[in-house]
Structures are given as structure tokens and as C-alpha cells.
Amino acid sequence: MLDLQEQWRKAGWTPIRIKEDPPFADTLQWRAQLRDVNKGGTSCWQAGNPYQAMLVVGRLEDNKRPEEERYLITLAMAKPWVRP
């Protein structure tokens, strides 16, 4: 997801709703938040007028593999649905 955000930045996309949903980063705070099954995170991006994207990441519990960290990453892309 970090690489995807960097690709979006290089292509001119800008993060939106930064106060509520800041872009993902490789920080201790983000790592702790993503490891918490009850938290996860969201990041929203604007690509000019045609598109907005929302990236949602959440940790999954897997009783068969409790020692592994597993995550569900959801990407939604559509015509703008929120004000930047």
C-alpha cells in the first residue's frame, strides 16, 4: 500500500481528508494501529476531477495461523463522492 500511494503521488494524485484519514506511512504509530484488529486504517485520494480512491486496511484474525499477521486490503475507486 505504501508503494501504491507513492505511485499515485508521482502521477499527480493528492491525499484528501488528511485530518480524518491520513495517508499510510511506515511509522510506529501506523504499525500499532494496523496490528490492532479493532482499528485498521483508511486513506483517501483525489485524481483531478475524474476519480477518487479509498484504500482501507484491516488486520484479520486467523485461528489456524495465529502467529501470522494477515491483512485485508480494500481499494474502492469511483467518481468523486466526497468533497476533497
Protein backbone atom coordinates (compact mmCIF):
# COMPACT_ATOMS: atom_id res chain seq x y z
CA MET A 1 0.00 0.00 0.00
CA LEU A 2 2.93 2.33 0.62
CA ASP A 3 4.21 1.70 -2.91
CA LEU A 4 0.72 2.25 -4.35
CA GLN A 5 0.39 5.58 -2.55
CA GLU A 6 3.82 6.63 -3.88
CA GLN A 7 2.75 5.72 -7.43
CA TRP A 8 -0.37 7.84 -7.00
CA ARG A 9 1.72 10.78 -5.72
CA LYS A 10 4.09 10.55 -8.71
CA ALA A 11 1.08 10.51 -11.06
CA GLY A 12 -0.27 13.74 -9.52
CA TRP A 13 -2.87 12.26 -7.17
CA THR A 14 -3.27 14.06 -3.86
CA PRO A 15 -4.39 12.73 -0.49
CA ILE A 16 -7.70 14.17 0.74
CA ARG A 17 -9.43 14.18 4.14
CA ILE A 18 -5.94 14.07 5.66
CA LYS A 19 -7.13 15.14 9.11
CA GLU A 20 -9.63 12.25 9.38
CA ASP A 21 -7.80 9.67 7.24
CA PRO A 22 -4.10 10.45 6.73
CA PRO A 23 -2.08 8.53 4.13
CA PHE A 24 -0.48 5.31 5.35
CA ALA A 25 3.15 5.60 6.44
CA ASP A 26 5.83 3.31 7.78
CA THR A 27 5.74 4.63 11.35
CA LEU A 28 5.45 3.00 14.76
CA GLN A 29 2.04 4.64 15.22
CA TRP A 30 0.66 3.25 11.95
CA ARG A 31 2.13 -0.21 12.61
CA ALA A 32 0.49 -0.34 16.05
CA GLN A 33 -2.84 0.85 14.66
CA LEU A 34 -2.84 -1.71 11.84
CA ARG A 35 -1.88 -4.56 14.18
CA ASP A 36 -4.94 -3.81 16.31
CA VAL A 37 -7.78 -5.94 14.94
CA ASN A 38 -10.30 -3.34 16.11
CA LYS A 39 -8.73 -0.33 14.37
CA GLY A 40 -7.20 -0.58 10.90
CA GLY A 41 -6.98 2.48 8.69
CA THR A 42 -8.30 4.36 5.68
CA SER A 43 -6.66 6.71 3.20
CA CYS A 44 -8.50 8.73 0.53
CA TRP A 45 -7.01 10.17 -2.67
CA GLN A 46 -8.11 12.56 -5.44
CA ALA A 47 -7.07 12.25 -9.09
CA GLY A 48 -8.19 15.54 -10.58
CA ASN A 49 -11.91 15.60 -11.28
CA PRO A 50 -12.45 12.14 -12.71
CA TYR A 51 -11.65 9.86 -9.75
CA GLN A 52 -11.36 9.40 -6.04
CA ALA A 53 -9.86 6.33 -4.41
CA MET A 54 -10.22 4.93 -0.92
CA LEU A 55 -7.72 2.45 0.48
CA VAL A 56 -8.87 0.52 3.58
CA VAL A 57 -6.60 -1.84 5.53
CA GLY A 58 -7.59 -4.04 8.45
CA ARG A 59 -5.97 -6.92 10.28
CA LEU A 60 -7.61 -10.33 10.12
CA GLU A 61 -7.53 -12.92 12.85
CA ASP A 62 -6.86 -16.41 11.59
CA ASN A 63 -7.27 -19.09 14.24
CA LYS A 64 -5.45 -21.59 12.03
CA ARG A 65 -2.37 -19.33 11.82
CA PRO A 66 -2.37 -17.17 14.96
CA GLU A 67 1.35 -16.37 14.65
CA GLU A 68 0.92 -14.72 11.22
CA GLU A 69 -0.11 -11.14 10.62
CA ARG A 70 -2.72 -11.12 7.87
CA TYR A 71 -4.46 -8.08 6.41
CA LEU A 72 -7.44 -7.37 4.21
CA ILE A 73 -6.76 -4.51 1.79
CA THR A 74 -9.76 -2.99 0.02
CA LEU A 75 -9.48 -0.47 -2.81
CA ALA A 76 -12.52 1.50 -3.92
CA MET A 77 -12.29 3.78 -6.96
CA ALA A 78 -15.15 5.84 -8.36
CA LYS A 79 -16.29 9.24 -9.49
CA PRO A 80 -15.78 11.74 -6.65
CA TRP A 81 -18.18 11.06 -3.78
CA VAL A 82 -16.80 13.37 -1.08
CA ARG A 83 -15.54 16.95 -1.14
CA PRO A 84 -11.72 17.00 -1.05
